[in-house]
């Protein structure tokens, strides 16, 4: 369902304009209609920040993806109006498995430590010779691995989007992202500000009026997958109202809309 790509543009656009917010988006796919929703919260106190996104699948998508829930959390400091991460956490959970990846940034040493923890339920059988019955019971298996990342980058995939406003706008239209969780040497993630005739052409894809328009370009880690571009439309108050992704394999077009949004400015 390409949920990891949908997460990207939700984060990017909200971070451009809001200092503190709570938002929910519904995600719809042609074949399955409503396939999930994403909740985003962001807060800061002038020195520190925290942003969290939780993406949930529902209905047929939940069945196909074993009730997958993905959570992303970035915590860090605000230095010279830039968001500098200390800890970035990615959690992927399904009915029988979970994986938590926690990245710890040491910007002075230019190092990143990764701790990965996995759990899964394993079904084991036992035979009772007195009744000739076979019974099954689930057991939890856990693992933990700690290592240093080969490459240091300044941002995680959330802080990069929080810093995007200064790097992509009507004057500086192209911005390439380098971040934990969004880039490697063979994978390109970039943001492009769209205006002029290209913006006029794109209007047909959106139900709501377009004020600002961005194109998010994601080259997948798995090269057998197709490249994903997402067009993001902002409403008159400069906040994400609708986003559109064209045909994706056999599931059809993907569209997202804002169903709840609250902003607090301190």
C-alpha atoms as a PDB file:
ATOM      1  CA  UNK A   1       0.000   0.000   0.000  1.00  0.00           C
ATOM      2  CA  UNK A   2       3.074   2.263  -0.114  1.00  0.00           C
ATOM      3  CA  UNK A   3       2.216   3.631   3.344  1.00  0.00           C
ATOM      4  CA  UNK A   4       5.845   4.569   4.029  1.00  0.00           C
ATOM      5  CA  UNK A   5       5.746   6.943   1.037  1.00  0.00           C
ATOM      6  CA  UNK A   6       2.438   8.469   2.080  1.00  0.00           C
ATOM      7  CA  UNK A   7       3.978   9.242   5.469  1.00  0.00           C
ATOM      8  CA  UNK A   8       6.687  11.314   3.797  1.00  0.00           C
ATOM      9  CA  UNK A   9       4.458  14.010   2.285  1.00  0.00           C
ATOM     10  CA  UNK A  10       2.213  14.216   5.369  1.00  0.00           C
ATOM     11  CA  UNK A  11       5.250  15.144   7.435  1.00  0.00           C
ATOM     12  CA  UNK A  12       6.831  17.458   4.888  1.00  0.00           C
ATOM     13  CA  UNK A  13       3.908  19.784   4.313  1.00  0.00           C
ATOM     14  CA  UNK A  14       2.770  20.181   7.905  1.00  0.00           C
ATOM     15  CA  UNK A  15       6.281  21.061   8.980  1.00  0.00           C
ATOM     16  CA  UNK A  16       6.527  23.919   6.485  1.00  0.00           C
ATOM     17  CA  UNK A  17       3.900  26.054   8.157  1.00  0.00           C
ATOM     18  CA  UNK A  18       2.957  24.974  11.677  1.00  0.00           C
ATOM     19  CA  UNK A  19       4.869  25.271  14.928  1.00  0.00           C
ATOM     20  CA  UNK A  20       2.586  23.041  16.978  1.00  0.00           C
ATOM     21  CA  UNK A  21      -0.240  20.892  15.683  1.00  0.00           C
ATOM     22  CA  UNK A  22      -2.340  17.750  15.871  1.00  0.00           C
ATOM     23  CA  UNK A  23      -3.661  16.315  12.600  1.00  0.00           C
ATOM     24  CA  UNK A  24      -5.397  13.281  11.145  1.00  0.00           C
ATOM     25  CA  UNK A  25      -5.492  12.223   7.484  1.00  0.00           C
ATOM     26  CA  UNK A  26      -7.621   9.569   5.826  1.00  0.00           C
ATOM     27  CA  UNK A  27      -5.981   7.607   3.007  1.00  0.00           C
ATOM     28  CA  UNK A  28      -8.065   6.202   0.134  1.00  0.00           C
ATOM     29  CA  UNK A  29      -7.104   3.832  -2.683  1.00  0.00           C
ATOM     30  CA  UNK A  30      -9.231   3.228  -5.799  1.00  0.00           C
ATOM     31  CA  UNK A  31      -9.506  -0.533  -5.306  1.00  0.00           C
ATOM     32  CA  UNK A  32     -10.122  -0.622  -1.545  1.00  0.00           C
ATOM     33  CA  UNK A  33     -11.491   2.881  -0.826  1.00  0.00           C
ATOM     34  CA  UNK A  34     -10.457   3.838   2.740  1.00  0.00           C
ATOM     35  CA  UNK A  35      -7.302   1.859   3.613  1.00  0.00           C
ATOM     36  CA  UNK A  36      -5.979   3.707   6.636  1.00  0.00           C
ATOM     37  CA  UNK A  37      -5.290   6.918   8.498  1.00  0.00           C
ATOM     38  CA  UNK A  38      -2.295   8.775   9.880  1.00  0.00           C
ATOM     39  CA  UNK A  39      -2.074  10.828  13.064  1.00  0.00           C
ATOM     40  CA  UNK A  40       0.627  13.497  13.345  1.00  0.00           C
ATOM     41  CA  UNK A  41       1.516  15.483  16.467  1.00  0.00           C
ATOM     42  CA  UNK A  42       4.228  18.092  16.868  1.00  0.00           C
ATOM     43  CA  UNK A  43       5.280  20.238  19.800  1.00  0.00           C
ATOM     44  CA  UNK A  44       8.179  22.463  20.796  1.00  0.00           C
ATOM     45  CA  UNK A  45       9.147  24.740  23.684  1.00  0.00           C
ATOM     46  CA  UNK A  46      11.654  26.943  21.874  1.00  0.00           C
ATOM     47  CA  UNK A  47      14.623  24.735  22.780  1.00  0.00           C
ATOM     48  CA  UNK A  48      13.393  21.188  22.215  1.00  0.00           C
ATOM     49  CA  UNK A  49      10.985  19.500  19.830  1.00  0.00           C
ATOM     50  CA  UNK A  50       9.146  16.218  19.377  1.00  0.00           C
ATOM     51  CA  UNK A  51       7.259  14.997  16.316  1.00  0.00           C
ATOM     52  CA  UNK A  52       5.355  11.723  16.093  1.00  0.00           C
ATOM     53  CA  UNK A  53       3.488  10.047  13.272  1.00  0.00           C
ATOM     54  CA  UNK A  54       1.428   6.877  13.558  1.00  0.00           C
ATOM     55  CA  UNK A  55       0.049   5.238  10.404  1.00  0.00           C
ATOM     56  CA  UNK A  56      -2.702   2.643  10.777  1.00  0.00           C
ATOM     57  CA  UNK A  57      -4.221   0.291   8.207  1.00  0.00           C
ATOM     58  CA  UNK A  58      -7.920  -0.598   8.302  1.00  0.00           C
ATOM     59  CA  UNK A  59     -10.357  -2.863   6.455  1.00  0.00           C
ATOM     60  CA  UNK A  60      -9.011  -4.938   3.574  1.00  0.00           C
ATOM     61  CA  UNK A  61      -5.607  -3.245   3.809  1.00  0.00           C
ATOM     62  CA  UNK A  62      -5.303  -4.266   7.457  1.00  0.00           C
ATOM     63  CA  UNK A  63      -6.128  -7.857   6.528  1.00  0.00           C
ATOM     64  CA  UNK A  64      -3.581  -7.940   3.713  1.00  0.00           C
ATOM     65  CA  UNK A  65      -0.869  -6.312   5.848  1.00  0.00           C
ATOM     66  CA  UNK A  66      -1.571  -8.216   9.104  1.00  0.00           C
ATOM     67  CA  UNK A  67      -2.948  -5.126  10.889  1.00  0.00           C
ATOM     68  CA  UNK A  68       0.259  -3.182  10.316  1.00  0.00           C
ATOM     69  CA  UNK A  69       0.908  -0.071  12.399  1.00  0.00           C
ATOM     70  CA  UNK A  70       3.967   2.095  11.742  1.00  0.00           C
ATOM     71  CA  UNK A  71       5.185   4.732  14.201  1.00  0.00           C
ATOM     72  CA  UNK A  72       7.936   7.315  13.680  1.00  0.00           C
ATOM     73  CA  UNK A  73       9.244   9.587  16.450  1.00  0.00           C
ATOM     74  CA  UNK A  74      11.942  12.252  16.334  1.00  0.00           C
ATOM     75  CA  UNK A  75      13.157  14.116  19.427  1.00  0.00           C
ATOM     76  CA  UNK A  76      15.869  16.722  19.598  1.00  0.00           C
ATOM     77  CA  UNK A  77      16.924  20.333  19.961  1.00  0.00           C
ATOM     78  CA  UNK A  78      16.195  23.556  18.089  1.00  0.00           C
ATOM     79  CA  UNK A  79      19.490  25.274  17.253  1.00  0.00           C
ATOM     80  CA  UNK A  80      19.584  28.444  15.134  1.00  0.00           C
ATOM     81  CA  UNK A  81      16.023  27.732  13.965  1.00  0.00           C
ATOM     82  CA  UNK A  82      16.966  24.258  12.768  1.00  0.00           C
ATOM     83  CA  UNK A  83      15.697  20.960  14.133  1.00  0.00           C
ATOM     84  CA  UNK A  84      18.625  18.787  15.236  1.00  0.00           C
ATOM     85  CA  UNK A  85      17.698  15.214  16.211  1.00  0.00           C
ATOM     86  CA  UNK A  86      19.014  13.397  19.260  1.00  0.00           C
ATOM     87  CA  UNK A  87      16.916  10.228  18.935  1.00  0.00           C
ATOM     88  CA  UNK A  88      14.898   8.819  16.050  1.00  0.00           C
ATOM     89  CA  UNK A  89      12.654   5.780  16.499  1.00  0.00           C
ATOM     90  CA  UNK A  90      10.902   3.628  13.873  1.00  0.00           C
ATOM     91  CA  UNK A  91       8.410   1.002  15.030  1.00  0.00           C
ATOM     92  CA  UNK A  92       6.684  -1.477  12.749  1.00  0.00           C
ATOM     93  CA  UNK A  93       4.066  -3.766  14.289  1.00  0.00           C
ATOM     94  CA  UNK A  94       1.865  -6.491  12.828  1.00  0.00           C
ATOM     95  CA  UNK A  95      -0.311  -9.134  14.433  1.00  0.00           C
ATOM     96  CA  UNK A  96       2.621 -11.452  15.132  1.00  0.00           C
ATOM     97  CA  UNK A  97       5.784  -9.386  14.689  1.00  0.00           C
ATOM     98  CA  UNK A  98       7.316  -6.118  15.811  1.00  0.00           C
ATOM     99  CA  UNK A  99      10.553  -4.305  15.036  1.00  0.00           C
ATOM    100  CA  UNK A 100      11.861  -1.208  16.809  1.00  0.00           C
ATOM    101  CA  UNK A 101      14.856   0.663  15.405  1.00  0.00           C
ATOM    102  CA  UNK A 102      16.250   3.447  17.586  1.00  0.00           C
ATOM    103  CA  UNK A 103      18.959   5.757  16.223  1.00  0.00           C
ATOM    104  CA  UNK A 104      21.099   7.807  18.641  1.00  0.00           C
ATOM    105  CA  UNK A 105      22.901  10.822  17.138  1.00  0.00           C
ATOM    106  CA  UNK A 106      26.276  12.065  18.371  1.00  0.00           C
ATOM    107  CA  UNK A 107      26.768  15.177  16.261  1.00  0.00           C
ATOM    108  CA  UNK A 108      30.090  16.081  17.886  1.00  0.00           C
ATOM    109  CA  UNK A 109      31.631  12.717  16.973  1.00  0.00           C
ATOM    110  CA  UNK A 110      29.607  12.530  13.745  1.00  0.00           C
ATOM    111  CA  UNK A 111      28.342   9.077  14.689  1.00  0.00           C
ATOM    112  CA  UNK A 112      24.988   7.311  14.784  1.00  0.00           C
ATOM    113  CA  UNK A 113      24.307   4.250  16.938  1.00  0.00           C
ATOM    114  CA  UNK A 114      21.462   1.924  16.007  1.00  0.00           C
ATOM    115  CA  UNK A 115      19.724  -0.424  18.426  1.00  0.00           C
ATOM    116  CA  UNK A 116      17.318  -2.836  16.756  1.00  0.00           C
ATOM    117  CA  UNK A 117      14.890  -4.962  18.754  1.00  0.00           C
ATOM    118  CA  UNK A 118      12.640  -7.630  17.237  1.00  0.00           C
ATOM    119  CA  UNK A 119       9.914  -9.846  18.620  1.00  0.00           C
ATOM    120  CA  UNK A 120       7.744 -12.463  16.948  1.00  0.00           C
ATOM    121  CA  UNK A 121       5.237 -15.102  17.942  1.00  0.00           C
ATOM    122  CA  UNK A 122       6.223 -18.638  16.980  1.00  0.00           C
ATOM    123  CA  UNK A 123       3.648 -21.402  17.035  1.00  0.00           C
ATOM    124  CA  UNK A 124       4.836 -24.736  18.399  1.00  0.00           C
ATOM    125  CA  UNK A 125       2.944 -28.024  18.469  1.00  0.00           C
ATOM    126  CA  UNK A 126       2.799 -30.729  21.108  1.00  0.00           C
ATOM    127  CA  UNK A 127       1.313 -34.216  20.965  1.00  0.00           C
ATOM    128  CA  UNK A 128      -0.652 -35.820  23.806  1.00  0.00           C
ATOM    129  CA  UNK A 129      -0.372 -39.612  23.368  1.00  0.00           C
ATOM    130  CA  UNK A 130      -3.146 -40.291  25.854  1.00  0.00           C
ATOM    131  CA  UNK A 131      -5.726 -38.391  23.792  1.00  0.00           C
ATOM    132  CA  UNK A 132      -3.983 -38.435  20.409  1.00  0.00           C
ATOM    133  CA  UNK A 133      -4.512 -34.664  20.209  1.00  0.00           C
ATOM    134  CA  UNK A 134      -2.123 -32.126  18.776  1.00  0.00           C
ATOM    135  CA  UNK A 135      -2.174 -28.728  20.443  1.00  0.00           C
ATOM    136  CA  UNK A 136      -0.512 -25.483  19.386  1.00  0.00           C
ATOM    137  CA  UNK A 137       0.842 -22.714  21.581  1.00  0.00           C
ATOM    138  CA  UNK A 138       2.463 -19.374  20.738  1.00  0.00           C
ATOM    139  CA  UNK A 139       5.863 -18.473  22.168  1.00  0.00           C
ATOM    140  CA  UNK A 140       7.543 -15.083  21.938  1.00  0.00           C
ATOM    141  CA  UNK A 141      11.036 -14.909  20.494  1.00  0.00           C
ATOM    142  CA  UNK A 142      13.092 -11.745  20.964  1.00  0.00           C
ATOM    143  CA  UNK A 143      16.387 -10.407  19.656  1.00  0.00           C
ATOM    144  CA  UNK A 144      18.483  -7.277  20.165  1.00  0.00           C
ATOM    145  CA  UNK A 145      21.328  -5.935  18.033  1.00  0.00           C
ATOM    146  CA  UNK A 146      23.497  -2.868  18.530  1.00  0.00           C
ATOM    147  CA  UNK A 147      25.811  -1.374  15.920  1.00  0.00           C
ATOM    148  CA  UNK A 148      27.314   1.863  14.621  1.00  0.00           C
ATOM    149  CA  UNK A 149      25.993   3.109  11.287  1.00  0.00           C
ATOM    150  CA  UNK A 150      28.497   3.200   8.411  1.00  0.00           C
ATOM    151  CA  UNK A 151      27.532   6.730   7.380  1.00  0.00           C
ATOM    152  CA  UNK A 152      26.776   9.848   9.433  1.00  0.00           C
ATOM    153  CA  UNK A 153      24.032  12.253   8.335  1.00  0.00           C
ATOM    154  CA  UNK A 154      22.716  15.238  10.259  1.00  0.00           C
ATOM    155  CA  UNK A 155      18.990  14.489   9.995  1.00  0.00           C
ATOM    156  CA  UNK A 156      16.494  11.717  10.412  1.00  0.00           C
ATOM    157  CA  UNK A 157      13.577  11.469   7.989  1.00  0.00           C
ATOM    158  CA  UNK A 158      11.367  13.609  10.260  1.00  0.00           C
ATOM    159  CA  UNK A 159      13.789  16.387  11.154  1.00  0.00           C
ATOM    160  CA  UNK A 160      14.695  16.680   7.458  1.00  0.00           C
ATOM    161  CA  UNK A 161      11.103  17.585   6.650  1.00  0.00           C
ATOM    162  CA  UNK A 162      10.919  19.993   9.579  1.00  0.00           C
ATOM    163  CA  UNK A 163      13.927  21.773   8.061  1.00  0.00           C
ATOM    164  CA  UNK A 164      12.539  21.699   4.520  1.00  0.00           C
ATOM    165  CA  UNK A 165      10.967  25.188   4.576  1.00  0.00           C
ATOM    166  CA  UNK A 166      14.339  26.892   4.501  1.00  0.00           C
ATOM    167  CA  UNK A 167      15.477  24.706   1.615  1.00  0.00           C
ATOM    168  CA  UNK A 168      12.511  24.459  -0.768  1.00  0.00           C
ATOM    169  CA  UNK A 169      10.298  27.369  -1.751  1.00  0.00           C
ATOM    170  CA  UNK A 170       9.476  29.656  -4.676  1.00  0.00           C
ATOM    171  CA  UNK A 171      13.093  30.907  -4.763  1.00  0.00           C
ATOM    172  CA  UNK A 172      14.932  27.649  -4.064  1.00  0.00           C
ATOM    173  CA  UNK A 173      12.708  25.160  -5.862  1.00  0.00           C
ATOM    174  CA  UNK A 174      14.704  21.926  -5.566  1.00  0.00           C
ATOM    175  CA  UNK A 175      15.734  20.192  -2.340  1.00  0.00           C
ATOM    176  CA  UNK A 176      17.353  16.753  -2.061  1.00  0.00           C
ATOM    177  CA  UNK A 177      16.926  15.000   1.258  1.00  0.00           C
ATOM    178  CA  UNK A 178      19.735  13.178   3.065  1.00  0.00           C
ATOM    179  CA  UNK A 179      18.458  11.539   6.223  1.00  0.00           C
ATOM    180  CA  UNK A 180      18.286   8.374   8.285  1.00  0.00           C
ATOM    181  CA  UNK A 181      15.276   6.462   7.016  1.00  0.00           C
ATOM    182  CA  UNK A 182      15.007   8.366   3.731  1.00  0.00           C
ATOM    183  CA  UNK A 183      18.239   7.990   1.783  1.00  0.00           C
ATOM    184  CA  UNK A 184      21.171   5.814   0.875  1.00  0.00           C
ATOM    185  CA  UNK A 185      23.790   6.022  -1.869  1.00  0.00           C
ATOM    186  CA  UNK A 186      21.430   4.485  -4.449  1.00  0.00           C
ATOM    187  CA  UNK A 187      18.181   6.042  -3.275  1.00  0.00           C
ATOM    188  CA  UNK A 188      17.076   9.614  -4.047  1.00  0.00           C
ATOM    189  CA  UNK A 189      14.378  11.527  -2.185  1.00  0.00           C
ATOM    190  CA  UNK A 190      13.766  15.062  -3.426  1.00  0.00           C
ATOM    191  CA  UNK A 191      11.269  17.883  -3.123  1.00  0.00           C
ATOM    192  CA  UNK A 192      10.283  20.262  -5.947  1.00  0.00           C
ATOM    193  CA  UNK A 193       8.223  23.453  -5.747  1.00  0.00           C
ATOM    194  CA  UNK A 194       5.814  23.563  -8.715  1.00  0.00           C
ATOM    195  CA  UNK A 195       4.313  26.687 -10.278  1.00  0.00           C
ATOM    196  CA  UNK A 196       3.397  28.129 -13.672  1.00  0.00           C
ATOM    197  CA  UNK A 197       1.873  25.959 -16.401  1.00  0.00           C
ATOM    198  CA  UNK A 198       2.797  22.709 -14.625  1.00  0.00           C
ATOM    199  CA  UNK A 199       0.771  23.835 -11.631  1.00  0.00           C
ATOM    200  CA  UNK A 200      -2.200  24.653 -13.849  1.00  0.00           C
ATOM    201  CA  UNK A 201      -2.047  21.198 -15.451  1.00  0.00           C
ATOM    202  CA  UNK A 202      -1.963  19.496 -12.056  1.00  0.00           C
ATOM    203  CA  UNK A 203      -5.221  21.095 -10.901  1.00  0.00           C
ATOM    204  CA  UNK A 204      -7.238  18.350 -12.565  1.00  0.00           C
ATOM    205  CA  UNK A 205      -5.935  15.850  -9.990  1.00  0.00           C
ATOM    206  CA  UNK A 206      -7.338  17.729  -6.999  1.00  0.00           C
ATOM    207  CA  UNK A 207     -10.806  18.254  -5.619  1.00  0.00           C
ATOM    208  CA  UNK A 208      -9.878  21.386  -3.660  1.00  0.00           C
ATOM    209  CA  UNK A 209      -8.320  24.643  -4.970  1.00  0.00           C
ATOM    210  CA  UNK A 210      -4.521  24.738  -5.153  1.00  0.00           C
ATOM    211  CA  UNK A 211      -2.511  27.457  -3.447  1.00  0.00           C
ATOM    212  CA  UNK A 212       0.980  25.969  -3.227  1.00  0.00           C
ATOM    213  CA  UNK A 213       2.008  22.754  -4.972  1.00  0.00           C
ATOM    214  CA  UNK A 214       4.942  20.449  -4.308  1.00  0.00           C
ATOM    215  CA  UNK A 215       6.172  17.262  -5.947  1.00  0.00           C
ATOM    216  CA  UNK A 216       7.810  14.672  -3.714  1.00  0.00           C
ATOM    217  CA  UNK A 217      10.020  12.264  -5.661  1.00  0.00           C
ATOM    218  CA  UNK A 218      10.968   8.961  -4.035  1.00  0.00           C
ATOM    219  CA  UNK A 219      13.180   6.338  -5.614  1.00  0.00           C
ATOM    220  CA  UNK A 220      12.473   3.061  -3.786  1.00  0.00           C
ATOM    221  CA  UNK A 221      15.146   1.041  -1.994  1.00  0.00           C
ATOM    222  CA  UNK A 222      13.952  -2.006  -3.934  1.00  0.00           C
ATOM    223  CA  UNK A 223      14.770  -1.189  -7.557  1.00  0.00           C
ATOM    224  CA  UNK A 224      12.137  -3.649  -8.789  1.00  0.00           C
ATOM    225  CA  UNK A 225       9.472  -1.248  -7.469  1.00  0.00           C
ATOM    226  CA  UNK A 226       8.332   1.714  -9.529  1.00  0.00           C
ATOM    227  CA  UNK A 227       9.377   5.276  -8.713  1.00  0.00           C
ATOM    228  CA  UNK A 228       6.785   7.076  -6.627  1.00  0.00           C
ATOM    229  CA  UNK A 229       5.943  10.766  -7.122  1.00  0.00           C
ATOM    230  CA  UNK A 230       3.363  12.455  -4.908  1.00  0.00           C
ATOM    231  CA  UNK A 231       1.705  15.783  -5.693  1.00  0.00           C
ATOM    232  CA  UNK A 232       0.804  17.776  -2.604  1.00  0.00           C
ATOM    233  CA  UNK A 233      -1.782  20.571  -2.616  1.00  0.00           C
ATOM    234  CA  UNK A 234      -2.101  23.191   0.110  1.00  0.00           C
ATOM    235  CA  UNK A 235      -5.298  25.082   0.844  1.00  0.00           C
ATOM    236  CA  UNK A 236      -5.716  28.844   1.353  1.00  0.00           C
ATOM    237  CA  UNK A 237      -4.279  28.787   4.884  1.00  0.00           C
ATOM    238  CA  UNK A 238      -1.057  27.171   3.653  1.00  0.00           C
ATOM    239  CA  UNK A 239      -1.681  23.730   5.162  1.00  0.00           C
ATOM    240  CA  UNK A 240      -2.005  20.305   3.604  1.00  0.00           C
ATOM    241  CA  UNK A 241      -5.581  19.562   2.632  1.00  0.00           C
ATOM    242  CA  UNK A 242      -5.185  16.977  -0.103  1.00  0.00           C
ATOM    243  CA  UNK A 243      -2.485  14.879  -1.778  1.00  0.00           C
ATOM    244  CA  UNK A 244      -2.533  12.700  -4.852  1.00  0.00           C
ATOM    245  CA  UNK A 245      -0.498   9.754  -6.095  1.00  0.00           C
ATOM    246  CA  UNK A 246      -1.113   8.326  -9.588  1.00  0.00           C
ATOM    247  CA  UNK A 247      -1.608   4.690 -10.551  1.00  0.00           C
ATOM    248  CA  UNK A 248       0.237   2.327  -8.214  1.00  0.00           C
ATOM    249  CA  UNK A 249       0.508  -1.197  -9.644  1.00  0.00           C
ATOM    250  CA  UNK A 250      -2.935  -2.843  -9.491  1.00  0.00           C
ATOM    251  CA  UNK A 251      -4.458  -0.941  -6.549  1.00  0.00           C
ATOM    252  CA  UNK A 252      -5.146   2.274  -8.489  1.00  0.00           C
ATOM    253  CA  UNK A 253      -4.804   5.899  -7.446  1.00  0.00           C
ATOM    254  CA  UNK A 254      -4.106   7.021  -3.891  1.00  0.00           C
ATOM    255  CA  UNK A 255      -5.637  10.140  -2.409  1.00  0.00           C
ATOM    256  CA  UNK A 256      -5.426  11.559   1.102  1.00  0.00           C
ATOM    257  CA  UNK A 257      -7.456  14.251   2.789  1.00  0.00           C
ATOM    258  CA  UNK A 258      -7.315  16.073   6.078  1.00  0.00           C
ATOM    259  CA  UNK A 259     -10.191  15.191   8.396  1.00  0.00           C
ATOM    260  CA  UNK A 260      -8.962  16.876  11.587  1.00  0.00           C
ATOM    261  CA  UNK A 261      -6.479  19.658  12.179  1.00  0.00           C
ATOM    262  CA  UNK A 262      -5.673  21.844  15.162  1.00  0.00           C
ATOM    263  CA  UNK A 263      -2.797  24.335  15.350  1.00  0.00           C
ATOM    264  CA  UNK A 264      -1.470  26.030  18.484  1.00  0.00           C
ATOM    265  CA  UNK A 265       0.977  28.928  18.227  1.00  0.00           C
ATOM    266  CA  UNK A 266       2.853  29.833  21.384  1.00  0.00           C
END
